[in-house]
Amino acid sequence: MELELLTDRLLLRPLRLDDLDVATEMFTDPEVTRYAGGVLTAEEVETEMSDYIKRCAGGGIGIWCVLDRETSEKLGSGALLPIPIEEKDTNWDLVEGPDLPDREIEVGYFLKRPAWGKGYATEICMRLLAFAFEETPLVDVVACIEGDNDRSRHVLSKSGLRDEGTRRAYAEQLPCFRVTRTQWMSANRS
C-alpha cells in the first residue's frame, strides 16, 4: 500500500513528529479549530503529537501531512480515523495494530488559514476517499460536522458524500455524511 498520495497540486504523506510546526499553527488558531473542539495550547499539541502520528491497518488509517507539491510548504492535514461516538475526540487506542478498527472511519481535514479558499480541502477529501476505496478494504466512509459549518458541508457534498441527516458522533447529535465504495466507484469511473 503506497502511503504517499499525490494530487495535481498536493502531496499527502504520513504525519511525522517533525510536523509539529504545522500542527501547532493549526490547532492553536481559534478560526481553524472553530468547528473542532476549540484551540489547544502549543504544549498540548506537542504532547498529543505521539497520538497524531499513530497508524494502523498497514498504515491505511491515520493522519497525513498535506504539502504543496511545488513549494513543499506544509498546508495542513488530512485523515482517515475511527469516528468517535460517545467520546469528544478520537480514541487513539483504536489507531493501533494490523487491522482496521471496529468503528466507522471518518474522513477529515484541517488547513492553516493562508491555505483556505483554494480548493485544497476538496482535493484532500477526494484523494483520501480514492485511497480508502482503491487501497483499503473499507466499504464506506463517513464525516460529521457542526451544523453551521457550511464550508465543510459544501466540501463533503462536492467530494461525493451524501447527507444522511443527524446522528450520534462526538458525544452529540451532528449532521453526518456517507459515501459507500459502490457509490464512489460508480461516480469516479474513468
N, C-alpha and C. Protein backbone atom coordinates (compact mmCIF):
# COMPACT_ATOMS: atom_id res chain seq x y z
N MET A 1 0.86 -1.17 0.00
CA MET A 1 0.00 0.00 0.00
C MET A 1 0.91 1.24 0.00
N GLU A 2 0.73 2.10 -0.97
CA GLU A 2 1.53 3.33 -1.07
C GLU A 2 0.87 4.41 -0.22
N LEU A 3 1.60 4.92 0.78
CA LEU A 3 1.02 5.88 1.72
C LEU A 3 1.30 7.33 1.35
N GLU A 4 2.18 7.57 0.37
CA GLU A 4 2.36 8.93 -0.15
C GLU A 4 1.37 9.10 -1.29
N LEU A 5 0.47 10.04 -1.11
CA LEU A 5 -0.63 10.24 -2.04
C LEU A 5 -0.45 11.57 -2.77
N LEU A 6 -0.65 11.56 -4.08
CA LEU A 6 -0.47 12.76 -4.89
C LEU A 6 -1.78 13.22 -5.49
N THR A 7 -1.91 14.53 -5.63
CA THR A 7 -2.94 15.15 -6.47
C THR A 7 -2.18 16.06 -7.42
N ASP A 8 -2.88 16.78 -8.26
CA ASP A 8 -2.19 17.71 -9.16
C ASP A 8 -1.35 18.72 -8.39
N ARG A 9 -1.85 19.19 -7.24
CA ARG A 9 -1.17 20.26 -6.51
C ARG A 9 -0.57 19.84 -5.19
N LEU A 10 -0.96 18.68 -4.67
CA LEU A 10 -0.64 18.33 -3.29
C LEU A 10 0.08 17.00 -3.16
N LEU A 11 0.89 16.91 -2.11
CA LEU A 11 1.47 15.66 -1.64
C LEU A 11 0.91 15.42 -0.24
N LEU A 12 0.34 14.25 -0.04
CA LEU A 12 -0.11 13.83 1.28
C LEU A 12 0.82 12.70 1.71
N ARG A 13 1.52 12.89 2.82
CA ARG A 13 2.42 11.86 3.33
C ARG A 13 2.10 11.64 4.80
N PRO A 14 2.38 10.45 5.33
CA PRO A 14 2.07 10.20 6.74
C PRO A 14 2.68 11.28 7.65
N LEU A 15 1.87 11.73 8.59
CA LEU A 15 2.30 12.74 9.55
C LEU A 15 3.46 12.20 10.37
N ARG A 16 4.44 13.08 10.67
CA ARG A 16 5.62 12.72 11.44
C ARG A 16 5.78 13.69 12.61
N LEU A 17 6.64 13.32 13.55
CA LEU A 17 6.90 14.20 14.69
C LEU A 17 7.41 15.57 14.26
N ASP A 18 8.17 15.64 13.16
CA ASP A 18 8.69 16.93 12.73
C ASP A 18 7.65 17.80 12.02
N ASP A 19 6.40 17.35 12.02
CA ASP A 19 5.29 18.18 11.52
C ASP A 19 4.62 18.94 12.67
N LEU A 20 5.27 18.98 13.81
CA LEU A 20 4.76 19.72 14.96
C LEU A 20 4.50 21.18 14.60
N ASP A 21 5.32 21.74 13.70
CA ASP A 21 5.15 23.15 13.32
C ASP A 21 3.78 23.43 12.72
N VAL A 22 3.37 22.66 11.74
CA VAL A 22 2.08 22.91 11.09
C VAL A 22 0.93 22.52 12.03
N ALA A 23 1.10 21.46 12.81
CA ALA A 23 0.06 21.08 13.76
C ALA A 23 -0.16 22.19 14.79
N THR A 24 0.92 22.76 15.28
CA THR A 24 0.80 23.85 16.25
C THR A 24 0.15 25.07 15.62
N GLU A 25 0.56 25.42 14.40
CA GLU A 25 -0.05 26.57 13.73
C GLU A 25 -1.56 26.39 13.57
N MET A 26 -2.00 25.19 13.23
CA MET A 26 -3.43 24.96 13.03
C MET A 26 -4.19 24.88 14.35
N PHE A 27 -3.72 24.07 15.27
CA PHE A 27 -4.52 23.75 16.45
C PHE A 27 -4.46 24.80 17.55
N THR A 28 -3.61 25.81 17.39
CA THR A 28 -3.62 26.94 18.33
C THR A 28 -4.37 28.13 17.74
N ASP A 29 -4.93 27.96 16.54
CA ASP A 29 -5.65 29.03 15.85
C ASP A 29 -7.15 28.86 16.09
N PRO A 30 -7.80 29.84 16.75
CA PRO A 30 -9.23 29.69 17.05
C PRO A 30 -10.12 29.60 15.82
N GLU A 31 -9.72 30.19 14.71
CA GLU A 31 -10.52 30.08 13.49
C GLU A 31 -10.43 28.69 12.88
N VAL A 32 -9.24 28.11 12.88
CA VAL A 32 -9.05 26.78 12.31
C VAL A 32 -9.79 25.74 13.16
N THR A 33 -9.79 25.90 14.46
CA THR A 33 -10.39 24.90 15.35
C THR A 33 -11.83 25.24 15.75
N ARG A 34 -12.38 26.24 15.13
CA ARG A 34 -13.74 26.71 15.48
C ARG A 34 -14.77 25.58 15.51
N TYR A 35 -14.70 24.68 14.54
CA TYR A 35 -15.66 23.59 14.46
C TYR A 35 -15.08 22.27 14.94
N ALA A 36 -13.98 22.32 15.67
CA ALA A 36 -13.31 21.08 16.04
C ALA A 36 -12.89 21.07 17.51
N GLY A 37 -13.74 21.54 18.37
CA GLY A 37 -13.48 21.43 19.79
C GLY A 37 -12.69 22.56 20.43
N GLY A 38 -12.25 23.53 19.65
CA GLY A 38 -11.55 24.67 20.22
C GLY A 38 -10.05 24.52 20.23
N VAL A 39 -9.38 25.61 20.57
CA VAL A 39 -7.93 25.68 20.49
C VAL A 39 -7.24 24.82 21.55
N LEU A 40 -6.03 24.43 21.21
CA LEU A 40 -5.12 23.78 22.13
C LEU A 40 -3.96 24.72 22.38
N THR A 41 -3.25 24.52 23.47
CA THR A 41 -2.02 25.26 23.68
C THR A 41 -0.92 24.57 22.88
N ALA A 42 0.17 25.28 22.64
CA ALA A 42 1.31 24.67 21.94
C ALA A 42 1.81 23.45 22.70
N GLU A 43 1.79 23.51 24.02
CA GLU A 43 2.23 22.38 24.84
C GLU A 43 1.31 21.18 24.67
N GLU A 44 0.00 21.41 24.58
CA GLU A 44 -0.95 20.32 24.37
C GLU A 44 -0.74 19.66 23.01
N VAL A 45 -0.51 20.49 21.98
CA VAL A 45 -0.25 19.93 20.65
C VAL A 45 1.00 19.06 20.69
N GLU A 46 2.05 19.55 21.31
CA GLU A 46 3.29 18.78 21.38
C GLU A 46 3.07 17.46 22.12
N THR A 47 2.32 17.48 23.20
CA THR A 47 2.03 16.26 23.96
C THR A 47 1.21 15.28 23.12
N GLU A 48 0.28 15.79 22.32
CA GLU A 48 -0.61 14.92 21.54
C GLU A 48 -0.01 14.42 20.23
N MET A 49 1.14 14.97 19.81
CA MET A 49 1.75 14.55 18.55
C MET A 49 2.01 13.05 18.50
N SER A 50 2.35 12.44 19.63
CA SER A 50 2.61 11.00 19.62
C SER A 50 1.35 10.21 19.26
N ASP A 51 0.18 10.74 19.57
CA ASP A 51 -1.07 10.13 19.12
C ASP A 51 -1.33 10.45 17.66
N TYR A 52 -1.13 11.69 17.27
CA TYR A 52 -1.42 12.12 15.90
C TYR A 52 -0.65 11.32 14.85
N ILE A 53 0.52 10.80 15.19
CA ILE A 53 1.31 10.07 14.20
C ILE A 53 1.01 8.57 14.18
N LYS A 54 0.09 8.10 15.04
CA LYS A 54 -0.26 6.68 15.05
C LYS A 54 -0.93 6.29 13.73
N ARG A 55 -0.68 5.04 13.33
CA ARG A 55 -1.31 4.48 12.13
C ARG A 55 -1.67 3.03 12.44
N CYS A 56 -2.65 2.52 11.73
CA CYS A 56 -2.97 1.10 11.86
C CYS A 56 -3.41 0.56 10.50
N ALA A 57 -3.73 -0.72 10.47
CA ALA A 57 -4.18 -1.37 9.25
C ALA A 57 -3.17 -1.20 8.12
N GLY A 58 -1.90 -1.47 8.43
CA GLY A 58 -0.85 -1.34 7.43
C GLY A 58 -0.60 0.09 7.00
N GLY A 59 -1.00 1.05 7.82
CA GLY A 59 -0.82 2.46 7.50
C GLY A 59 -2.03 3.09 6.85
N GLY A 60 -3.05 2.29 6.54
CA GLY A 60 -4.22 2.80 5.82
C GLY A 60 -5.10 3.74 6.63
N ILE A 61 -4.95 3.72 7.93
CA ILE A 61 -5.72 4.61 8.80
C ILE A 61 -4.72 5.47 9.56
N GLY A 62 -4.97 6.77 9.57
CA GLY A 62 -4.10 7.70 10.27
C GLY A 62 -4.25 9.10 9.71
N ILE A 63 -3.23 9.92 9.98
CA ILE A 63 -3.23 11.32 9.54
C ILE A 63 -2.09 11.53 8.56
N TRP A 64 -2.38 12.29 7.51
CA TRP A 64 -1.39 12.67 6.52
C TRP A 64 -1.09 14.16 6.65
N CYS A 65 0.16 14.53 6.48
CA CYS A 65 0.54 15.94 6.36
C CYS A 65 0.34 16.32 4.90
N VAL A 66 -0.24 17.48 4.65
CA VAL A 66 -0.51 17.95 3.30
C VAL A 66 0.48 19.04 2.93
N LEU A 67 1.18 18.84 1.82
CA LEU A 67 2.19 19.79 1.36
C LEU A 67 1.89 20.24 -0.06
N ASP A 68 2.26 21.46 -0.37
CA ASP A 68 2.21 21.97 -1.73
C ASP A 68 3.30 21.24 -2.52
N ARG A 69 2.96 20.60 -3.63
CA ARG A 69 3.94 19.82 -4.39
C ARG A 69 5.03 20.69 -4.98
N GLU A 70 4.69 21.92 -5.32
CA GLU A 70 5.66 22.80 -5.97
C GLU A 70 6.64 23.41 -4.97
N THR A 71 6.14 23.85 -3.82
CA THR A 71 6.99 24.58 -2.87
C THR A 71 7.39 23.76 -1.64
N SER A 72 6.75 22.63 -1.42
CA SER A 72 6.92 21.78 -0.23
C SER A 72 6.42 22.45 1.05
N GLU A 73 5.68 23.56 0.93
CA GLU A 73 5.10 24.21 2.11
C GLU A 73 4.05 23.29 2.71
N LYS A 74 4.08 23.17 4.04
CA LYS A 74 3.07 22.39 4.75
C LYS A 74 1.80 23.23 4.84
N LEU A 75 0.69 22.68 4.34
CA LEU A 75 -0.57 23.41 4.27
C LEU A 75 -1.58 22.96 5.32
N GLY A 76 -1.48 21.72 5.77
CA GLY A 76 -2.47 21.21 6.71
C GLY A 76 -2.37 19.72 6.87
N SER A 77 -3.52 19.09 7.09
CA SER A 77 -3.55 17.64 7.29
C SER A 77 -4.85 17.08 6.76
N GLY A 78 -4.81 15.79 6.48
CA GLY A 78 -5.99 15.03 6.09
C GLY A 78 -5.97 13.74 6.88
N ALA A 79 -7.13 13.15 7.12
CA ALA A 79 -7.16 11.97 7.98
C ALA A 79 -8.25 10.99 7.59
N LEU A 80 -7.96 9.73 7.87
CA LEU A 80 -8.94 8.66 7.92
C LEU A 80 -8.80 8.07 9.30
N LEU A 81 -9.80 8.30 10.15
CA LEU A 81 -9.73 7.89 11.56
C LEU A 81 -11.06 7.33 12.03
N PRO A 82 -11.03 6.48 13.06
CA PRO A 82 -12.29 5.97 13.61
C PRO A 82 -13.10 7.12 14.21
N ILE A 83 -14.37 7.20 13.83
CA ILE A 83 -15.20 8.30 14.30
C ILE A 83 -15.61 8.08 15.76
N PRO A 84 -15.44 9.08 16.60
CA PRO A 84 -15.90 8.97 17.98
C PRO A 84 -17.43 8.99 18.04
N ILE A 85 -17.99 8.19 18.88
CA ILE A 85 -19.45 8.18 19.04
C ILE A 85 -19.80 8.89 20.36
N GLU A 86 -19.42 8.31 21.47
CA GLU A 86 -19.72 8.92 22.76
C GLU A 86 -18.53 9.73 23.31
N GLU A 87 -17.40 9.68 22.64
CA GLU A 87 -16.24 10.47 23.04
C GLU A 87 -16.26 11.81 22.31
N LYS A 88 -15.56 12.78 22.87
CA LYS A 88 -15.45 14.10 22.23
C LYS A 88 -14.32 14.15 21.21
N ASP A 89 -13.41 13.16 21.25
CA ASP A 89 -12.26 13.16 20.36
C ASP A 89 -11.93 11.72 19.98
N THR A 90 -11.02 11.57 19.03
CA THR A 90 -10.59 10.26 18.57
C THR A 90 -10.07 9.41 19.72
N ASN A 91 -10.49 8.16 19.73
CA ASN A 91 -9.94 7.18 20.66
C ASN A 91 -8.68 6.62 19.99
N TRP A 92 -7.52 7.13 20.40
CA TRP A 92 -6.27 6.78 19.74
C TRP A 92 -5.88 5.33 19.98
N ASP A 93 -6.46 4.68 20.98
CA ASP A 93 -6.19 3.26 21.19
C ASP A 93 -6.71 2.42 20.01
N LEU A 94 -7.67 2.96 19.27
CA LEU A 94 -8.22 2.25 18.10
C LEU A 94 -7.30 2.38 16.88
N VAL A 95 -6.33 3.28 16.95
CA VAL A 95 -5.44 3.52 15.80
C VAL A 95 -4.11 2.82 16.06
N GLU A 96 -4.21 1.53 16.31
CA GLU A 96 -3.04 0.70 16.57
C GLU A 96 -3.33 -0.70 16.06
N GLY A 97 -2.29 -1.39 15.65
CA GLY A 97 -2.42 -2.79 15.26
C GLY A 97 -2.54 -2.98 13.76
N PRO A 98 -2.59 -4.24 13.36
CA PRO A 98 -2.58 -4.57 11.93
C PRO A 98 -3.95 -4.48 11.24
N ASP A 99 -5.01 -4.38 12.01
CA ASP A 99 -6.35 -4.45 11.42
C ASP A 99 -7.06 -3.10 11.47
N LEU A 100 -8.09 -2.98 10.64
CA LEU A 100 -8.97 -1.82 10.72
C LEU A 100 -9.69 -1.85 12.06
N PRO A 101 -9.90 -0.70 12.68
CA PRO A 101 -10.66 -0.68 13.92
C PRO A 101 -12.12 -1.07 13.67
N ASP A 102 -12.75 -1.59 14.70
CA ASP A 102 -14.16 -1.96 14.61
C ASP A 102 -15.02 -0.72 14.87
N ARG A 103 -14.93 0.22 13.97
CA ARG A 103 -15.63 1.51 14.09
C ARG A 103 -15.70 2.09 12.69
N GLU A 104 -16.74 2.87 12.41
CA GLU A 104 -16.79 3.55 11.12
C GLU A 104 -15.60 4.49 10.99
N ILE A 105 -15.13 4.67 9.77
CA ILE A 105 -13.97 5.52 9.52
C ILE A 105 -14.45 6.83 8.92
N GLU A 106 -13.91 7.91 9.50
CA GLU A 106 -14.29 9.26 9.08
C GLU A 106 -13.14 9.91 8.30
N VAL A 107 -13.50 10.61 7.22
CA VAL A 107 -12.53 11.42 6.50
C VAL A 107 -12.57 12.83 7.10
N GLY A 108 -11.40 13.44 7.24
CA GLY A 108 -11.34 14.79 7.79
C GLY A 108 -10.14 15.53 7.26
N TYR A 109 -10.11 16.83 7.52
CA TYR A 109 -9.03 17.68 7.02
C TYR A 109 -8.97 18.94 7.86
N PHE A 110 -7.78 19.50 7.95
CA PHE A 110 -7.54 20.81 8.56
C PHE A 110 -6.57 21.54 7.64
N LEU A 111 -6.78 22.82 7.47
CA LEU A 111 -5.86 23.66 6.71
C LEU A 111 -5.52 24.89 7.53
N LYS A 112 -4.25 25.29 7.47
CA LYS A 112 -3.90 26.56 8.11
C LYS A 112 -4.57 27.67 7.31
N ARG A 113 -4.85 28.78 7.95
CA ARG A 113 -5.66 29.84 7.33
C ARG A 113 -5.16 30.34 5.98
N PRO A 114 -3.84 30.54 5.78
CA PRO A 114 -3.41 31.02 4.46
C PRO A 114 -3.74 30.06 3.31
N ALA A 115 -4.08 28.81 3.62
CA ALA A 115 -4.42 27.83 2.59
C ALA A 115 -5.92 27.74 2.33
N TRP A 116 -6.71 28.51 3.03
CA TRP A 116 -8.17 28.47 2.85
C TRP A 116 -8.57 29.07 1.50
N GLY A 117 -9.71 28.61 1.01
CA GLY A 117 -10.32 29.22 -0.18
C GLY A 117 -9.65 28.86 -1.50
N LYS A 118 -8.82 27.84 -1.53
CA LYS A 118 -8.11 27.47 -2.75
C LYS A 118 -8.50 26.10 -3.29
N GLY A 119 -9.52 25.49 -2.68
CA GLY A 119 -9.98 24.18 -3.13
C GLY A 119 -9.19 23.01 -2.58
N TYR A 120 -8.26 23.28 -1.66
CA TYR A 120 -7.43 22.19 -1.12
C TYR A 120 -8.25 21.19 -0.32
N ALA A 121 -9.22 21.64 0.45
CA ALA A 121 -10.00 20.72 1.29
C ALA A 121 -10.70 19.66 0.43
N THR A 122 -11.30 20.08 -0.67
CA THR A 122 -11.96 19.12 -1.57
C THR A 122 -10.93 18.18 -2.18
N GLU A 123 -9.79 18.73 -2.57
CA GLU A 123 -8.72 17.91 -3.17
C GLU A 123 -8.23 16.85 -2.17
N ILE A 124 -8.05 17.25 -0.92
CA ILE A 124 -7.62 16.32 0.13
C ILE A 124 -8.68 15.24 0.34
N CYS A 125 -9.91 15.66 0.50
CA CYS A 125 -11.01 14.73 0.76
C CYS A 125 -11.14 13.73 -0.38
N MET A 126 -11.12 14.21 -1.61
CA MET A 126 -11.28 13.31 -2.76
C MET A 126 -10.12 12.32 -2.85
N ARG A 127 -8.90 12.78 -2.57
CA ARG A 127 -7.75 11.88 -2.65
C ARG A 127 -7.79 10.83 -1.55
N LEU A 128 -8.20 11.21 -0.36
CA LEU A 128 -8.31 10.24 0.72
C LEU A 128 -9.43 9.23 0.46
N LEU A 129 -10.52 9.67 -0.13
CA LEU A 129 -11.59 8.74 -0.49
C LEU A 129 -11.11 7.76 -1.55
N ALA A 130 -10.38 8.26 -2.55
CA ALA A 130 -9.83 7.37 -3.58
C ALA A 130 -8.92 6.33 -2.93
N PHE A 131 -8.05 6.77 -2.04
CA PHE A 131 -7.17 5.85 -1.33
C PHE A 131 -7.99 4.83 -0.53
N ALA A 132 -8.98 5.31 0.22
CA ALA A 132 -9.79 4.42 1.06
C ALA A 132 -10.44 3.31 0.24
N PHE A 133 -10.98 3.67 -0.93
CA PHE A 133 -11.74 2.70 -1.71
C PHE A 133 -10.90 1.92 -2.72
N GLU A 134 -9.73 2.42 -3.04
CA GLU A 134 -8.87 1.72 -4.00
C GLU A 134 -7.75 0.93 -3.33
N GLU A 135 -7.37 1.31 -2.09
CA GLU A 135 -6.21 0.70 -1.45
C GLU A 135 -6.53 -0.02 -0.13
N THR A 136 -7.72 0.19 0.43
CA THR A 136 -8.06 -0.45 1.70
C THR A 136 -9.37 -1.23 1.53
N PRO A 137 -9.70 -2.09 2.47
CA PRO A 137 -10.95 -2.84 2.37
C PRO A 137 -12.19 -2.07 2.86
N LEU A 138 -12.06 -0.78 3.13
CA LEU A 138 -13.22 -0.03 3.63
C LEU A 138 -14.38 -0.10 2.64
N VAL A 139 -15.60 -0.28 3.17
CA VAL A 139 -16.78 -0.33 2.31
C VAL A 139 -17.56 0.97 2.33
N ASP A 140 -17.29 1.82 3.34
CA ASP A 140 -17.88 3.15 3.36
C ASP A 140 -17.03 4.06 4.23
N VAL A 141 -17.22 5.36 4.04
CA VAL A 141 -16.52 6.40 4.80
C VAL A 141 -17.56 7.43 5.20
N VAL A 142 -17.46 7.94 6.42
CA VAL A 142 -18.40 8.93 6.92
C VAL A 142 -17.68 10.23 7.24
N ALA A 143 -18.45 11.26 7.51
CA ALA A 143 -17.93 12.53 8.02
C ALA A 143 -19.06 13.23 8.74
N CYS A 144 -18.77 13.79 9.90
CA CYS A 144 -19.75 14.55 10.67
C CYS A 144 -19.21 15.95 10.92
N ILE A 145 -20.11 16.93 10.89
CA ILE A 145 -19.71 18.33 11.01
C ILE A 145 -20.62 19.05 12.00
N GLU A 146 -20.18 20.21 12.44
CA GLU A 146 -21.05 21.09 13.21
C GLU A 146 -22.14 21.61 12.27
N GLY A 147 -23.33 21.83 12.79
CA GLY A 147 -24.47 22.21 11.97
C GLY A 147 -24.28 23.46 11.14
N ASP A 148 -23.52 24.45 11.62
CA ASP A 148 -23.37 25.69 10.87
C ASP A 148 -22.06 25.75 10.08
N ASN A 149 -21.40 24.61 9.89
CA ASN A 149 -20.15 24.57 9.13
C ASN A 149 -20.48 24.37 7.65
N ASP A 150 -20.95 25.43 7.03
CA ASP A 150 -21.39 25.36 5.64
C ASP A 150 -20.26 25.05 4.67
N ARG A 151 -19.04 25.51 4.96
CA ARG A 151 -17.91 25.24 4.06
C ARG A 151 -17.61 23.74 4.01
N SER A 152 -17.60 23.09 5.16
CA SER A 152 -17.35 21.65 5.15
C SER A 152 -18.51 20.89 4.54
N ARG A 153 -19.71 21.35 4.75
CA ARG A 153 -20.88 20.72 4.12
C ARG A 153 -20.69 20.73 2.59
N HIS A 154 -20.23 21.87 2.06
CA HIS A 154 -20.01 22.00 0.61
C HIS A 154 -18.88 21.07 0.16
N VAL A 155 -17.77 21.03 0.91
CA VAL A 155 -16.64 20.17 0.56
C VAL A 155 -17.08 18.71 0.52
N LEU A 156 -17.80 18.26 1.53
CA LEU A 156 -18.21 16.87 1.59
C LEU A 156 -19.17 16.52 0.46
N SER A 157 -20.12 17.39 0.17
CA SER A 157 -21.05 17.14 -0.93
C SER A 157 -20.31 17.09 -2.26
N LYS A 158 -19.41 18.04 -2.46
CA LYS A 158 -18.64 18.11 -3.71
C LYS A 158 -17.74 16.87 -3.86
N SER A 159 -17.31 16.30 -2.74
CA SER A 159 -16.44 15.13 -2.76
C SER A 159 -17.21 13.82 -2.92
N GLY A 160 -18.54 13.89 -2.96
CA GLY A 160 -19.34 12.70 -3.21
C GLY A 160 -20.00 12.09 -2.00
N LEU A 161 -19.81 12.68 -0.81
CA LEU A 161 -20.51 12.16 0.36
C LEU A 161 -21.94 12.65 0.36
N ARG A 162 -22.84 11.81 0.80
CA ARG A 162 -24.27 12.14 0.79
C ARG A 162 -24.77 12.43 2.19
N ASP A 163 -25.57 13.46 2.30
CA ASP A 163 -26.15 13.86 3.58
C ASP A 163 -27.07 12.74 4.06
N GLU A 164 -26.81 12.26 5.28
CA GLU A 164 -27.70 11.23 5.83
C GLU A 164 -28.42 11.69 7.08
N GLY A 165 -28.54 13.02 7.25
CA GLY A 165 -29.25 13.56 8.40
C GLY A 165 -28.35 13.60 9.62
N THR A 166 -28.99 13.72 10.78
CA THR A 166 -28.19 13.80 12.01
C THR A 166 -28.05 12.42 12.64
N ARG A 167 -26.97 12.27 13.37
CA ARG A 167 -26.69 11.02 14.08
C ARG A 167 -25.75 11.32 15.24
N ARG A 168 -25.53 10.34 16.05
CA ARG A 168 -24.65 10.46 17.21
C ARG A 168 -23.18 10.38 16.77
N ALA A 169 -22.41 11.39 17.14
CA ALA A 169 -20.96 11.43 16.91
C ALA A 169 -20.39 12.52 17.80
N TYR A 170 -19.18 12.32 18.27
CA TYR A 170 -18.53 13.31 19.13
C TYR A 170 -19.39 13.68 20.34
N ALA A 171 -20.13 12.70 20.85
CA ALA A 171 -20.97 12.84 22.05
C ALA A 171 -22.10 13.85 21.88
N GLU A 172 -22.55 14.03 20.65
CA GLU A 172 -23.71 14.89 20.39
C GLU A 172 -24.38 14.49 19.08
N GLN A 173 -25.50 15.11 18.78
CA GLN A 173 -26.20 14.86 17.51
C GLN A 173 -25.64 15.85 16.48
N LEU A 174 -25.13 15.31 15.37
CA LEU A 174 -24.49 16.15 14.35
C LEU A 174 -24.95 15.75 12.95
N PRO A 175 -24.94 16.71 12.01
CA PRO A 175 -25.17 16.35 10.61
C PRO A 175 -24.04 15.44 10.13
N CYS A 176 -24.41 14.34 9.48
CA CYS A 176 -23.41 13.40 9.01
C CYS A 176 -23.61 13.05 7.54
N PHE A 177 -22.54 12.64 6.94
CA PHE A 177 -22.47 12.33 5.52
C PHE A 177 -21.82 10.97 5.37
N ARG A 178 -22.10 10.31 4.25
CA ARG A 178 -21.55 8.98 4.00
C ARG A 178 -21.41 8.78 2.49
N VAL A 179 -20.39 8.00 2.13
CA VAL A 179 -20.27 7.51 0.76
C VAL A 179 -19.82 6.05 0.86
N THR A 180 -20.42 5.21 0.04
CA THR A 180 -20.04 3.80 0.01
C THR A 180 -19.03 3.58 -1.12
N ARG A 181 -18.33 2.47 -1.02
CA ARG A 181 -17.39 2.09 -2.08
C ARG A 181 -18.12 2.03 -3.43
N THR A 182 -19.31 1.41 -3.44
CA THR A 182 -20.07 1.28 -4.69
C THR A 182 -20.42 2.65 -5.26
N GLN A 183 -20.90 3.56 -4.42
CA GLN A 183 -21.22 4.92 -4.88
C GLN A 183 -19.98 5.62 -5.42
N TRP A 184 -18.87 5.50 -4.68
CA TRP A 184 -17.62 6.16 -5.09
C TRP A 184 -17.14 5.63 -6.43
N MET A 185 -17.11 4.30 -6.56
CA MET A 185 -16.61 3.68 -7.81
C MET A 185 -17.53 4.05 -8.98
N SER A 186 -18.81 4.06 -8.75
CA SER A 186 -19.76 4.41 -9.82
C SER A 186 -19.56 5.86 -10.29
N ALA A 187 -19.34 6.76 -9.34
CA ALA A 187 -19.19 8.19 -9.67
C ALA A 187 -17.81 8.53 -10.23
N ASN A 188 -16.81 7.67 -10.01
CA ASN A 188 -15.43 8.03 -10.38
C ASN A 188 -14.80 7.06 -11.37
N ARG A 189 -15.63 6.42 -12.17
CA ARG A 189 -15.08 5.57 -13.23
C ARG A 189 -14.44 6.44 -14.29
N SER A 190 -13.29 6.02 -14.72
CA SER A 190 -12.56 6.79 -15.75
C SER A 190 -13.12 6.52 -17.13
